[in-house]
PDBML (XML) file of the C-alpha atoms, coordinates in Angstrom:
<?xml version="1.0" encoding="UTF-8" ?>
<PDBx:datablock datablockName="MODEL"
   xmlns:PDBx="http://pdbml.pdb.org/schema/pdbx-v50.xsd"
   xmlns:xsi="http://www.w3.org/2001/XMLSchema-instance"
   xsi:schemaLocation="http://pdbml.pdb.org/schema/pdbx-v50.xsd pdbx-v50.xsd">
   <PDBx:atom_siteCategory>
      <PDBx:atom_site id="1">
         <PDBx:B_iso_or_equiv>0.00</PDBx:B_iso_or_equiv>
         <PDBx:Cartn_x>-18.165</PDBx:Cartn_x>
         <PDBx:Cartn_y>38.127</PDBx:Cartn_y>
         <PDBx:Cartn_z>-39.116</PDBx:Cartn_z>
         <PDBx:auth_asym_id>A</PDBx:auth_asym_id>
         <PDBx:auth_atom_id>CA</PDBx:auth_atom_id>
         <PDBx:auth_comp_id>ALA</PDBx:auth_comp_id>
         <PDBx:auth_seq_id>1</PDBx:auth_seq_id>
         <PDBx:group_PDB>ATOM</PDBx:group_PDB>
         <PDBx:label_alt_id xsi:nil="true" />
         <PDBx:label_asym_id>A</PDBx:label_asym_id>
         <PDBx:label_atom_id>CA</PDBx:label_atom_id>
         <PDBx:label_comp_id>ALA</PDBx:label_comp_id>
         <PDBx:label_entity_id>1</PDBx:label_entity_id>
         <PDBx:label_seq_id>1</PDBx:label_seq_id>
         <PDBx:occupancy>1.00</PDBx:occupancy>
         <PDBx:pdbx_PDB_model_num>1</PDBx:pdbx_PDB_model_num>
         <PDBx:type_symbol>C</PDBx:type_symbol>
      </PDBx:atom_site>
      <PDBx:atom_site id="2">
         <PDBx:B_iso_or_equiv>0.00</PDBx:B_iso_or_equiv>
         <PDBx:Cartn_x>-18.676</PDBx:Cartn_x>
         <PDBx:Cartn_y>40.036</PDBx:Cartn_y>
         <PDBx:Cartn_z>-35.875</PDBx:Cartn_z>
         <PDBx:auth_asym_id>A</PDBx:auth_asym_id>
         <PDBx:auth_atom_id>CA</PDBx:auth_atom_id>
         <PDBx:auth_comp_id>ALA</PDBx:auth_comp_id>
         <PDBx:auth_seq_id>2</PDBx:auth_seq_id>
         <PDBx:group_PDB>ATOM</PDBx:group_PDB>
         <PDBx:label_alt_id xsi:nil="true" />
         <PDBx:label_asym_id>A</PDBx:label_asym_id>
         <PDBx:label_atom_id>CA</PDBx:label_atom_id>
         <PDBx:label_comp_id>ALA</PDBx:label_comp_id>
         <PDBx:label_entity_id>1</PDBx:label_entity_id>
         <PDBx:label_seq_id>2</PDBx:label_seq_id>
         <PDBx:occupancy>1.00</PDBx:occupancy>
         <PDBx:pdbx_PDB_model_num>1</PDBx:pdbx_PDB_model_num>
         <PDBx:type_symbol>C</PDBx:type_symbol>
      </PDBx:atom_site>
      <PDBx:atom_site id="3">
         <PDBx:B_iso_or_equiv>0.00</PDBx:B_iso_or_equiv>
         <PDBx:Cartn_x>-20.806</PDBx:Cartn_x>
         <PDBx:Cartn_y>39.724</PDBx:Cartn_y>
         <PDBx:Cartn_z>-32.780</PDBx:Cartn_z>
         <PDBx:auth_asym_id>A</PDBx:auth_asym_id>
         <PDBx:auth_atom_id>CA</PDBx:auth_atom_id>
         <PDBx:auth_comp_id>ILE</PDBx:auth_comp_id>
         <PDBx:auth_seq_id>3</PDBx:auth_seq_id>
         <PDBx:group_PDB>ATOM</PDBx:group_PDB>
         <PDBx:label_alt_id xsi:nil="true" />
         <PDBx:label_asym_id>A</PDBx:label_asym_id>
         <PDBx:label_atom_id>CA</PDBx:label_atom_id>
         <PDBx:label_comp_id>ILE</PDBx:label_comp_id>
         <PDBx:label_entity_id>1</PDBx:label_entity_id>
         <PDBx:label_seq_id>3</PDBx:label_seq_id>
         <PDBx:occupancy>1.00</PDBx:occupancy>
         <PDBx:pdbx_PDB_model_num>1</PDBx:pdbx_PDB_model_num>
         <PDBx:type_symbol>C</PDBx:type_symbol>
      </PDBx:atom_site>
      <PDBx:atom_site id="4">
         <PDBx:B_iso_or_equiv>0.00</PDBx:B_iso_or_equiv>
         <PDBx:Cartn_x>-21.790</PDBx:Cartn_x>
         <PDBx:Cartn_y>42.280</PDBx:Cartn_y>
         <PDBx:Cartn_z>-30.160</PDBx:Cartn_z>
         <PDBx:auth_asym_id>A</PDBx:auth_asym_id>
         <PDBx:auth_atom_id>CA</PDBx:auth_atom_id>
         <PDBx:auth_comp_id>SER</PDBx:auth_comp_id>
         <PDBx:auth_seq_id>4</PDBx:auth_seq_id>
         <PDBx:group_PDB>ATOM</PDBx:group_PDB>
         <PDBx:label_alt_id xsi:nil="true" />
         <PDBx:label_asym_id>A</PDBx:label_asym_id>
         <PDBx:label_atom_id>CA</PDBx:label_atom_id>
         <PDBx:label_comp_id>SER</PDBx:label_comp_id>
         <PDBx:label_entity_id>1</PDBx:label_entity_id>
         <PDBx:label_seq_id>4</PDBx:label_seq_id>
         <PDBx:occupancy>1.00</PDBx:occupancy>
         <PDBx:pdbx_PDB_model_num>1</PDBx:pdbx_PDB_model_num>
         <PDBx:type_symbol>C</PDBx:type_symbol>
      </PDBx:atom_site>
      <PDBx:atom_site id="5">
         <PDBx:B_iso_or_equiv>0.00</PDBx:B_iso_or_equiv>
         <PDBx:Cartn_x>-20.776</PDBx:Cartn_x>
         <PDBx:Cartn_y>41.764</PDBx:Cartn_y>
         <PDBx:Cartn_z>-26.565</PDBx:Cartn_z>
         <PDBx:auth_asym_id>A</PDBx:auth_asym_id>
         <PDBx:auth_atom_id>CA</PDBx:auth_atom_id>
         <PDBx:auth_comp_id>TRP</PDBx:auth_comp_id>
         <PDBx:auth_seq_id>5</PDBx:auth_seq_id>
         <PDBx:group_PDB>ATOM</PDBx:group_PDB>
         <PDBx:label_alt_id xsi:nil="true" />
         <PDBx:label_asym_id>A</PDBx:label_asym_id>
         <PDBx:label_atom_id>CA</PDBx:label_atom_id>
         <PDBx:label_comp_id>TRP</PDBx:label_comp_id>
         <PDBx:label_entity_id>1</PDBx:label_entity_id>
         <PDBx:label_seq_id>5</PDBx:label_seq_id>
         <PDBx:occupancy>1.00</PDBx:occupancy>
         <PDBx:pdbx_PDB_model_num>1</PDBx:pdbx_PDB_model_num>
         <PDBx:type_symbol>C</PDBx:type_symbol>
      </PDBx:atom_site>
      <PDBx:atom_site id="6">
         <PDBx:B_iso_or_equiv>0.00</PDBx:B_iso_or_equiv>
         <PDBx:Cartn_x>-24.250</PDBx:Cartn_x>
         <PDBx:Cartn_y>40.524</PDBx:Cartn_y>
         <PDBx:Cartn_z>-25.619</PDBx:Cartn_z>
         <PDBx:auth_asym_id>A</PDBx:auth_asym_id>
         <PDBx:auth_atom_id>CA</PDBx:auth_atom_id>
         <PDBx:auth_comp_id>THR</PDBx:auth_comp_id>
         <PDBx:auth_seq_id>6</PDBx:auth_seq_id>
         <PDBx:group_PDB>ATOM</PDBx:group_PDB>
         <PDBx:label_alt_id xsi:nil="true" />
         <PDBx:label_asym_id>A</PDBx:label_asym_id>
         <PDBx:label_atom_id>CA</PDBx:label_atom_id>
         <PDBx:label_comp_id>THR</PDBx:label_comp_id>
         <PDBx:label_entity_id>1</PDBx:label_entity_id>
         <PDBx:label_seq_id>6</PDBx:label_seq_id>
         <PDBx:occupancy>1.00</PDBx:occupancy>
         <PDBx:pdbx_PDB_model_num>1</PDBx:pdbx_PDB_model_num>
         <PDBx:type_symbol>C</PDBx:type_symbol>
      </PDBx:atom_site>
      <PDBx:atom_site id="7">
         <PDBx:B_iso_or_equiv>0.00</PDBx:B_iso_or_equiv>
         <PDBx:Cartn_x>-24.456</PDBx:Cartn_x>
         <PDBx:Cartn_y>38.277</PDBx:Cartn_y>
         <PDBx:Cartn_z>-28.650</PDBx:Cartn_z>
         <PDBx:auth_asym_id>A</PDBx:auth_asym_id>
         <PDBx:auth_atom_id>CA</PDBx:auth_atom_id>
         <PDBx:auth_comp_id>GLY</PDBx:auth_comp_id>
         <PDBx:auth_seq_id>7</PDBx:auth_seq_id>
         <PDBx:group_PDB>ATOM</PDBx:group_PDB>
         <PDBx:label_alt_id xsi:nil="true" />
         <PDBx:label_asym_id>A</PDBx:label_asym_id>
         <PDBx:label_atom_id>CA</PDBx:label_atom_id>
         <PDBx:label_comp_id>GLY</PDBx:label_comp_id>
         <PDBx:label_entity_id>1</PDBx:label_entity_id>
         <PDBx:label_seq_id>7</PDBx:label_seq_id>
         <PDBx:occupancy>1.00</PDBx:occupancy>
         <PDBx:pdbx_PDB_model_num>1</PDBx:pdbx_PDB_model_num>
         <PDBx:type_symbol>C</PDBx:type_symbol>
      </PDBx:atom_site>
      <PDBx:atom_site id="8">
         <PDBx:B_iso_or_equiv>0.00</PDBx:B_iso_or_equiv>
         <PDBx:Cartn_x>-27.689</PDBx:Cartn_x>
         <PDBx:Cartn_y>39.963</PDBx:Cartn_y>
         <PDBx:Cartn_z>-29.698</PDBx:Cartn_z>
         <PDBx:auth_asym_id>A</PDBx:auth_asym_id>
         <PDBx:auth_atom_id>CA</PDBx:auth_atom_id>
         <PDBx:auth_comp_id>ALA</PDBx:auth_comp_id>
         <PDBx:auth_seq_id>8</PDBx:auth_seq_id>
         <PDBx:group_PDB>ATOM</PDBx:group_PDB>
         <PDBx:label_alt_id xsi:nil="true" />
         <PDBx:label_asym_id>A</PDBx:label_asym_id>
         <PDBx:label_atom_id>CA</PDBx:label_atom_id>
         <PDBx:label_comp_id>ALA</PDBx:label_comp_id>
         <PDBx:label_entity_id>1</PDBx:label_entity_id>
         <PDBx:label_seq_id>8</PDBx:label_seq_id>
         <PDBx:occupancy>1.00</PDBx:occupancy>
         <PDBx:pdbx_PDB_model_num>1</PDBx:pdbx_PDB_model_num>
         <PDBx:type_symbol>C</PDBx:type_symbol>
      </PDBx:atom_site>
      <PDBx:atom_site id="9">
         <PDBx:B_iso_or_equiv>0.00</PDBx:B_iso_or_equiv>
         <PDBx:Cartn_x>-26.257</PDBx:Cartn_x>
         <PDBx:Cartn_y>41.450</PDBx:Cartn_y>
         <PDBx:Cartn_z>-32.881</PDBx:Cartn_z>
         <PDBx:auth_asym_id>A</PDBx:auth_asym_id>
         <PDBx:auth_atom_id>CA</PDBx:auth_atom_id>
         <PDBx:auth_comp_id>ASN</PDBx:auth_comp_id>
         <PDBx:auth_seq_id>9</PDBx:auth_seq_id>
         <PDBx:group_PDB>ATOM</PDBx:group_PDB>
         <PDBx:label_alt_id xsi:nil="true" />
         <PDBx:label_asym_id>A</PDBx:label_asym_id>
         <PDBx:label_atom_id>CA</PDBx:label_atom_id>
         <PDBx:label_comp_id>ASN</PDBx:label_comp_id>
         <PDBx:label_entity_id>1</PDBx:label_entity_id>
         <PDBx:label_seq_id>9</PDBx:label_seq_id>
         <PDBx:occupancy>1.00</PDBx:occupancy>
         <PDBx:pdbx_PDB_model_num>1</PDBx:pdbx_PDB_model_num>
         <PDBx:type_symbol>C</PDBx:type_symbol>
      </PDBx:atom_site>
      <PDBx:atom_site id="10">
         <PDBx:B_iso_or_equiv>0.00</PDBx:B_iso_or_equiv>
         <PDBx:Cartn_x>-24.266</PDBx:Cartn_x>
         <PDBx:Cartn_y>39.661</PDBx:Cartn_y>
         <PDBx:Cartn_z>-35.554</PDBx:Cartn_z>
         <PDBx:auth_asym_id>A</PDBx:auth_asym_id>
         <PDBx:auth_atom_id>CA</PDBx:auth_atom_id>
         <PDBx:auth_comp_id>THR</PDBx:auth_comp_id>
         <PDBx:auth_seq_id>10</PDBx:auth_seq_id>
         <PDBx:group_PDB>ATOM</PDBx:group_PDB>
         <PDBx:label_alt_id xsi:nil="true" />
         <PDBx:label_asym_id>A</PDBx:label_asym_id>
         <PDBx:label_atom_id>CA</PDBx:label_atom_id>
         <PDBx:label_comp_id>THR</PDBx:label_comp_id>
         <PDBx:label_entity_id>1</PDBx:label_entity_id>
         <PDBx:label_seq_id>10</PDBx:label_seq_id>
         <PDBx:occupancy>1.00</PDBx:occupancy>
         <PDBx:pdbx_PDB_model_num>1</PDBx:pdbx_PDB_model_num>
         <PDBx:type_symbol>C</PDBx:type_symbol>
      </PDBx:atom_site>
      <PDBx:atom_site id="11">
         <PDBx:B_iso_or_equiv>0.00</PDBx:B_iso_or_equiv>
         <PDBx:Cartn_x>-22.742</PDBx:Cartn_x>
         <PDBx:Cartn_y>40.901</PDBx:Cartn_y>
         <PDBx:Cartn_z>-38.783</PDBx:Cartn_z>
         <PDBx:auth_asym_id>A</PDBx:auth_asym_id>
         <PDBx:auth_atom_id>CA</PDBx:auth_atom_id>
         <PDBx:auth_comp_id>TYR</PDBx:auth_comp_id>
         <PDBx:auth_seq_id>11</PDBx:auth_seq_id>
         <PDBx:group_PDB>ATOM</PDBx:group_PDB>
         <PDBx:label_alt_id xsi:nil="true" />
         <PDBx:label_asym_id>A</PDBx:label_asym_id>
         <PDBx:label_atom_id>CA</PDBx:label_atom_id>
         <PDBx:label_comp_id>TYR</PDBx:label_comp_id>
         <PDBx:label_entity_id>1</PDBx:label_entity_id>
         <PDBx:label_seq_id>11</PDBx:label_seq_id>
         <PDBx:occupancy>1.00</PDBx:occupancy>
         <PDBx:pdbx_PDB_model_num>1</PDBx:pdbx_PDB_model_num>
         <PDBx:type_symbol>C</PDBx:type_symbol>
      </PDBx:atom_site>
      <PDBx:atom_site id="12">
         <PDBx:B_iso_or_equiv>0.00</PDBx:B_iso_or_equiv>
         <PDBx:Cartn_x>-21.489</PDBx:Cartn_x>
         <PDBx:Cartn_y>38.967</PDBx:Cartn_y>
         <PDBx:Cartn_z>-41.794</PDBx:Cartn_z>
         <PDBx:auth_asym_id>A</PDBx:auth_asym_id>
         <PDBx:auth_atom_id>CA</PDBx:auth_atom_id>
         <PDBx:auth_comp_id>TYR</PDBx:auth_comp_id>
         <PDBx:auth_seq_id>12</PDBx:auth_seq_id>
         <PDBx:group_PDB>ATOM</PDBx:group_PDB>
         <PDBx:label_alt_id xsi:nil="true" />
         <PDBx:label_asym_id>A</PDBx:label_asym_id>
         <PDBx:label_atom_id>CA</PDBx:label_atom_id>
         <PDBx:label_comp_id>TYR</PDBx:label_comp_id>
         <PDBx:label_entity_id>1</PDBx:label_entity_id>
         <PDBx:label_seq_id>12</PDBx:label_seq_id>
         <PDBx:occupancy>1.00</PDBx:occupancy>
         <PDBx:pdbx_PDB_model_num>1</PDBx:pdbx_PDB_model_num>
         <PDBx:type_symbol>C</PDBx:type_symbol>
      </PDBx:atom_site>
      <PDBx:atom_site id="13">
         <PDBx:B_iso_or_equiv>0.00</PDBx:B_iso_or_equiv>
         <PDBx:Cartn_x>-19.625</PDBx:Cartn_x>
         <PDBx:Cartn_y>39.583</PDBx:Cartn_y>
         <PDBx:Cartn_z>-44.995</PDBx:Cartn_z>
         <PDBx:auth_asym_id>A</PDBx:auth_asym_id>
         <PDBx:auth_atom_id>CA</PDBx:auth_atom_id>
         <PDBx:auth_comp_id>ALA</PDBx:auth_comp_id>
         <PDBx:auth_seq_id>13</PDBx:auth_seq_id>
         <PDBx:group_PDB>ATOM</PDBx:group_PDB>
         <PDBx:label_alt_id xsi:nil="true" />
         <PDBx:label_asym_id>A</PDBx:label_asym_id>
         <PDBx:label_atom_id>CA</PDBx:label_atom_id>
         <PDBx:label_comp_id>ALA</PDBx:label_comp_id>
         <PDBx:label_entity_id>1</PDBx:label_entity_id>
         <PDBx:label_seq_id>13</PDBx:label_seq_id>
         <PDBx:occupancy>1.00</PDBx:occupancy>
         <PDBx:pdbx_PDB_model_num>1</PDBx:pdbx_PDB_model_num>
         <PDBx:type_symbol>C</PDBx:type_symbol>
      </PDBx:atom_site>
      <PDBx:atom_site id="14">
         <PDBx:B_iso_or_equiv>0.00</PDBx:B_iso_or_equiv>
         <PDBx:Cartn_x>-21.824</PDBx:Cartn_x>
         <PDBx:Cartn_y>38.930</PDBx:Cartn_y>
         <PDBx:Cartn_z>-48.014</PDBx:Cartn_z>
         <PDBx:auth_asym_id>A</PDBx:auth_asym_id>
         <PDBx:auth_atom_id>CA</PDBx:auth_atom_id>
         <PDBx:auth_comp_id>ASP</PDBx:auth_comp_id>
         <PDBx:auth_seq_id>14</PDBx:auth_seq_id>
         <PDBx:group_PDB>ATOM</PDBx:group_PDB>
         <PDBx:label_alt_id xsi:nil="true" />
         <PDBx:label_asym_id>A</PDBx:label_asym_id>
         <PDBx:label_atom_id>CA</PDBx:label_atom_id>
         <PDBx:label_comp_id>ASP</PDBx:label_comp_id>
         <PDBx:label_entity_id>1</PDBx:label_entity_id>
         <PDBx:label_seq_id>14</PDBx:label_seq_id>
         <PDBx:occupancy>1.00</PDBx:occupancy>
         <PDBx:pdbx_PDB_model_num>1</PDBx:pdbx_PDB_model_num>
         <PDBx:type_symbol>C</PDBx:type_symbol>
      </PDBx:atom_site>
      <PDBx:atom_site id="15">
         <PDBx:B_iso_or_equiv>0.00</PDBx:B_iso_or_equiv>
         <PDBx:Cartn_x>-19.486</PDBx:Cartn_x>
         <PDBx:Cartn_y>36.173</PDBx:Cartn_y>
         <PDBx:Cartn_z>-49.154</PDBx:Cartn_z>
         <PDBx:auth_asym_id>A</PDBx:auth_asym_id>
         <PDBx:auth_atom_id>CA</PDBx:auth_atom_id>
         <PDBx:auth_comp_id>SER</PDBx:auth_comp_id>
         <PDBx:auth_seq_id>15</PDBx:auth_seq_id>
         <PDBx:group_PDB>ATOM</PDBx:group_PDB>
         <PDBx:label_alt_id xsi:nil="true" />
         <PDBx:label_asym_id>A</PDBx:label_asym_id>
         <PDBx:label_atom_id>CA</PDBx:label_atom_id>
         <PDBx:label_comp_id>SER</PDBx:label_comp_id>
         <PDBx:label_entity_id>1</PDBx:label_entity_id>
         <PDBx:label_seq_id>15</PDBx:label_seq_id>
         <PDBx:occupancy>1.00</PDBx:occupancy>
         <PDBx:pdbx_PDB_model_num>1</PDBx:pdbx_PDB_model_num>
         <PDBx:type_symbol>C</PDBx:type_symbol>
      </PDBx:atom_site>
      <PDBx:atom_site id="16">
         <PDBx:B_iso_or_equiv>0.00</PDBx:B_iso_or_equiv>
         <PDBx:Cartn_x>-20.145</PDBx:Cartn_x>
         <PDBx:Cartn_y>34.060</PDBx:Cartn_y>
         <PDBx:Cartn_z>-46.048</PDBx:Cartn_z>
         <PDBx:auth_asym_id>A</PDBx:auth_asym_id>
         <PDBx:auth_atom_id>CA</PDBx:auth_atom_id>
         <PDBx:auth_comp_id>VAL</PDBx:auth_comp_id>
         <PDBx:auth_seq_id>16</PDBx:auth_seq_id>
         <PDBx:group_PDB>ATOM</PDBx:group_PDB>
         <PDBx:label_alt_id xsi:nil="true" />
         <PDBx:label_asym_id>A</PDBx:label_asym_id>
         <PDBx:label_atom_id>CA</PDBx:label_atom_id>
         <PDBx:label_comp_id>VAL</PDBx:label_comp_id>
         <PDBx:label_entity_id>1</PDBx:label_entity_id>
         <PDBx:label_seq_id>16</PDBx:label_seq_id>
         <PDBx:occupancy>1.00</PDBx:occupancy>
         <PDBx:pdbx_PDB_model_num>1</PDBx:pdbx_PDB_model_num>
         <PDBx:type_symbol>C</PDBx:type_symbol>
      </PDBx:atom_site>
      <PDBx:atom_site id="17">
         <PDBx:B_iso_or_equiv>0.00</PDBx:B_iso_or_equiv>
         <PDBx:Cartn_x>-23.722</PDBx:Cartn_x>
         <PDBx:Cartn_y>34.989</PDBx:Cartn_y>
         <PDBx:Cartn_z>-45.185</PDBx:Cartn_z>
         <PDBx:auth_asym_id>A</PDBx:auth_asym_id>
         <PDBx:auth_atom_id>CA</PDBx:auth_atom_id>
         <PDBx:auth_comp_id>LYS</PDBx:auth_comp_id>
         <PDBx:auth_seq_id>17</PDBx:auth_seq_id>
         <PDBx:group_PDB>ATOM</PDBx:group_PDB>
         <PDBx:label_alt_id xsi:nil="true" />
         <PDBx:label_asym_id>A</PDBx:label_asym_id>
         <PDBx:label_atom_id>CA</PDBx:label_atom_id>
         <PDBx:label_comp_id>LYS</PDBx:label_comp_id>
         <PDBx:label_entity_id>1</PDBx:label_entity_id>
         <PDBx:label_seq_id>17</PDBx:label_seq_id>
         <PDBx:occupancy>1.00</PDBx:occupancy>
         <PDBx:pdbx_PDB_model_num>1</PDBx:pdbx_PDB_model_num>
         <PDBx:type_symbol>C</PDBx:type_symbol>
      </PDBx:atom_site>
      <PDBx:atom_site id="18">
         <PDBx:B_iso_or_equiv>0.00</PDBx:B_iso_or_equiv>
         <PDBx:Cartn_x>-25.868</PDBx:Cartn_x>
         <PDBx:Cartn_y>31.880</PDBx:Cartn_y>
         <PDBx:Cartn_z>-44.862</PDBx:Cartn_z>
         <PDBx:auth_asym_id>A</PDBx:auth_asym_id>
         <PDBx:auth_atom_id>CA</PDBx:auth_atom_id>
         <PDBx:auth_comp_id>GLY</PDBx:auth_comp_id>
         <PDBx:auth_seq_id>18</PDBx:auth_seq_id>
         <PDBx:group_PDB>ATOM</PDBx:group_PDB>
         <PDBx:label_alt_id xsi:nil="true" />
         <PDBx:label_asym_id>A</PDBx:label_asym_id>
         <PDBx:label_atom_id>CA</PDBx:label_atom_id>
         <PDBx:label_comp_id>GLY</PDBx:label_comp_id>
         <PDBx:label_entity_id>1</PDBx:label_entity_id>
         <PDBx:label_seq_id>18</PDBx:label_seq_id>
         <PDBx:occupancy>1.00</PDBx:occupancy>
         <PDBx:pdbx_PDB_model_num>1</PDBx:pdbx_PDB_model_num>
         <PDBx:type_symbol>C</PDBx:type_symbol>
      </PDBx:atom_site>
      <PDBx:atom_site id="19">
         <PDBx:B_iso_or_equiv>0.00</PDBx:B_iso_or_equiv>
         <PDBx:Cartn_x>-22.835</PDBx:Cartn_x>
         <PDBx:Cartn_y>29.589</PDBx:Cartn_y>
         <PDBx:Cartn_z>-44.592</PDBx:Cartn_z>
         <PDBx:auth_asym_id>A</PDBx:auth_asym_id>
         <PDBx:auth_atom_id>CA</PDBx:auth_atom_id>
         <PDBx:auth_comp_id>ARG</PDBx:auth_comp_id>
         <PDBx:auth_seq_id>19</PDBx:auth_seq_id>
         <PDBx:group_PDB>ATOM</PDBx:group_PDB>
         <PDBx:label_alt_id xsi:nil="true" />
         <PDBx:label_asym_id>A</PDBx:label_asym_id>
         <PDBx:label_atom_id>CA</PDBx:label_atom_id>
         <PDBx:label_comp_id>ARG</PDBx:label_comp_id>
         <PDBx:label_entity_id>1</PDBx:label_entity_id>
         <PDBx:label_seq_id>19</PDBx:label_seq_id>
         <PDBx:occupancy>1.00</PDBx:occupancy>
         <PDBx:pdbx_PDB_model_num>1</PDBx:pdbx_PDB_model_num>
         <PDBx:type_symbol>C</PDBx:type_symbol>
      </PDBx:atom_site>
      <PDBx:atom_site id="20">
         <PDBx:B_iso_or_equiv>0.00</PDBx:B_iso_or_equiv>
         <PDBx:Cartn_x>-20.959</PDBx:Cartn_x>
         <PDBx:Cartn_y>30.890</PDBx:Cartn_y>
         <PDBx:Cartn_z>-41.546</PDBx:Cartn_z>
         <PDBx:auth_asym_id>A</PDBx:auth_asym_id>
         <PDBx:auth_atom_id>CA</PDBx:auth_atom_id>
         <PDBx:auth_comp_id>PHE</PDBx:auth_comp_id>
         <PDBx:auth_seq_id>20</PDBx:auth_seq_id>
         <PDBx:group_PDB>ATOM</PDBx:group_PDB>
         <PDBx:label_alt_id xsi:nil="true" />
         <PDBx:label_asym_id>A</PDBx:label_asym_id>
         <PDBx:label_atom_id>CA</PDBx:label_atom_id>
         <PDBx:label_comp_id>PHE</PDBx:label_comp_id>
         <PDBx:label_entity_id>1</PDBx:label_entity_id>
         <PDBx:label_seq_id>20</PDBx:label_seq_id>
         <PDBx:occupancy>1.00</PDBx:occupancy>
         <PDBx:pdbx_PDB_model_num>1</PDBx:pdbx_PDB_model_num>
         <PDBx:type_symbol>C</PDBx:type_symbol>
      </PDBx:atom_site>
      <PDBx:atom_site id="21">
         <PDBx:B_iso_or_equiv>0.00</PDBx:B_iso_or_equiv>
         <PDBx:Cartn_x>-22.318</PDBx:Cartn_x>
         <PDBx:Cartn_y>31.488</PDBx:Cartn_y>
         <PDBx:Cartn_z>-38.055</PDBx:Cartn_z>
         <PDBx:auth_asym_id>A</PDBx:auth_asym_id>
         <PDBx:auth_atom_id>CA</PDBx:auth_atom_id>
         <PDBx:auth_comp_id>THR</PDBx:auth_comp_id>
         <PDBx:auth_seq_id>21</PDBx:auth_seq_id>
         <PDBx:group_PDB>ATOM</PDBx:group_PDB>
         <PDBx:label_alt_id xsi:nil="true" />
         <PDBx:label_asym_id>A</PDBx:label_asym_id>
         <PDBx:label_atom_id>CA</PDBx:label_atom_id>
         <PDBx:label_comp_id>THR</PDBx:label_comp_id>
         <PDBx:label_entity_id>1</PDBx:label_entity_id>
         <PDBx:label_seq_id>21</PDBx:label_seq_id>
         <PDBx:occupancy>1.00</PDBx:occupancy>
         <PDBx:pdbx_PDB_model_num>1</PDBx:pdbx_PDB_model_num>
         <PDBx:type_symbol>C</PDBx:type_symbol>
      </PDBx:atom_site>
      <PDBx:atom_site id="22">
         <PDBx:B_iso_or_equiv>0.00</PDBx:B_iso_or_equiv>
         <PDBx:Cartn_x>-20.596</PDBx:Cartn_x>
         <PDBx:Cartn_y>33.424</PDBx:Cartn_y>
         <PDBx:Cartn_z>-35.304</PDBx:Cartn_z>
         <PDBx:auth_asym_id>A</PDBx:auth_asym_id>
         <PDBx:auth_atom_id>CA</PDBx:auth_atom_id>
         <PDBx:auth_comp_id>ILE</PDBx:auth_comp_id>
         <PDBx:auth_seq_id>22</PDBx:auth_seq_id>
         <PDBx:group_PDB>ATOM</PDBx:group_PDB>
         <PDBx:label_alt_id xsi:nil="true" />
         <PDBx:label_asym_id>A</PDBx:label_asym_id>
         <PDBx:label_atom_id>CA</PDBx:label_atom_id>
         <PDBx:label_comp_id>ILE</PDBx:label_comp_id>
         <PDBx:label_entity_id>1</PDBx:label_entity_id>
         <PDBx:label_seq_id>22</PDBx:label_seq_id>
         <PDBx:occupancy>1.00</PDBx:occupancy>
         <PDBx:pdbx_PDB_model_num>1</PDBx:pdbx_PDB_model_num>
         <PDBx:type_symbol>C</PDBx:type_symbol>
      </PDBx:atom_site>
      <PDBx:atom_site id="23">
         <PDBx:B_iso_or_equiv>0.00</PDBx:B_iso_or_equiv>
         <PDBx:Cartn_x>-21.421</PDBx:Cartn_x>
         <PDBx:Cartn_y>32.780</PDBx:Cartn_y>
         <PDBx:Cartn_z>-31.655</PDBx:Cartn_z>
         <PDBx:auth_asym_id>A</PDBx:auth_asym_id>
         <PDBx:auth_atom_id>CA</PDBx:auth_atom_id>
         <PDBx:auth_comp_id>SER</PDBx:auth_comp_id>
         <PDBx:auth_seq_id>23</PDBx:auth_seq_id>
         <PDBx:group_PDB>ATOM</PDBx:group_PDB>
         <PDBx:label_alt_id xsi:nil="true" />
         <PDBx:label_asym_id>A</PDBx:label_asym_id>
         <PDBx:label_atom_id>CA</PDBx:label_atom_id>
         <PDBx:label_comp_id>SER</PDBx:label_comp_id>
         <PDBx:label_entity_id>1</PDBx:label_entity_id>
         <PDBx:label_seq_id>23</PDBx:label_seq_id>
         <PDBx:occupancy>1.00</PDBx:occupancy>
         <PDBx:pdbx_PDB_model_num>1</PDBx:pdbx_PDB_model_num>
         <PDBx:type_symbol>C</PDBx:type_symbol>
      </PDBx:atom_site>
      <PDBx:atom_site id="24">
         <PDBx:B_iso_or_equiv>0.00</PDBx:B_iso_or_equiv>
         <PDBx:Cartn_x>-19.943</PDBx:Cartn_x>
         <PDBx:Cartn_y>33.498</PDBx:Cartn_y>
         <PDBx:Cartn_z>-28.257</PDBx:Cartn_z>
         <PDBx:auth_asym_id>A</PDBx:auth_asym_id>
         <PDBx:auth_atom_id>CA</PDBx:auth_atom_id>
         <PDBx:auth_comp_id>ARG</PDBx:auth_comp_id>
         <PDBx:auth_seq_id>24</PDBx:auth_seq_id>
         <PDBx:group_PDB>ATOM</PDBx:group_PDB>
         <PDBx:label_alt_id xsi:nil="true" />
         <PDBx:label_asym_id>A</PDBx:label_asym_id>
         <PDBx:label_atom_id>CA</PDBx:label_atom_id>
         <PDBx:label_comp_id>ARG</PDBx:label_comp_id>
         <PDBx:label_entity_id>1</PDBx:label_entity_id>
         <PDBx:label_seq_id>24</PDBx:label_seq_id>
         <PDBx:occupancy>1.00</PDBx:occupancy>
         <PDBx:pdbx_PDB_model_num>1</PDBx:pdbx_PDB_model_num>
         <PDBx:type_symbol>C</PDBx:type_symbol>
      </PDBx:atom_site>
   </PDBx:atom_siteCategory>
</PDBx:datablock>
């Protein structure tokens, strides 16, 4: 998973989408 510096954009691998959440 990844998150932009503002937190506005997040990206996930298909294998974790819907189960994992990234935040900052």
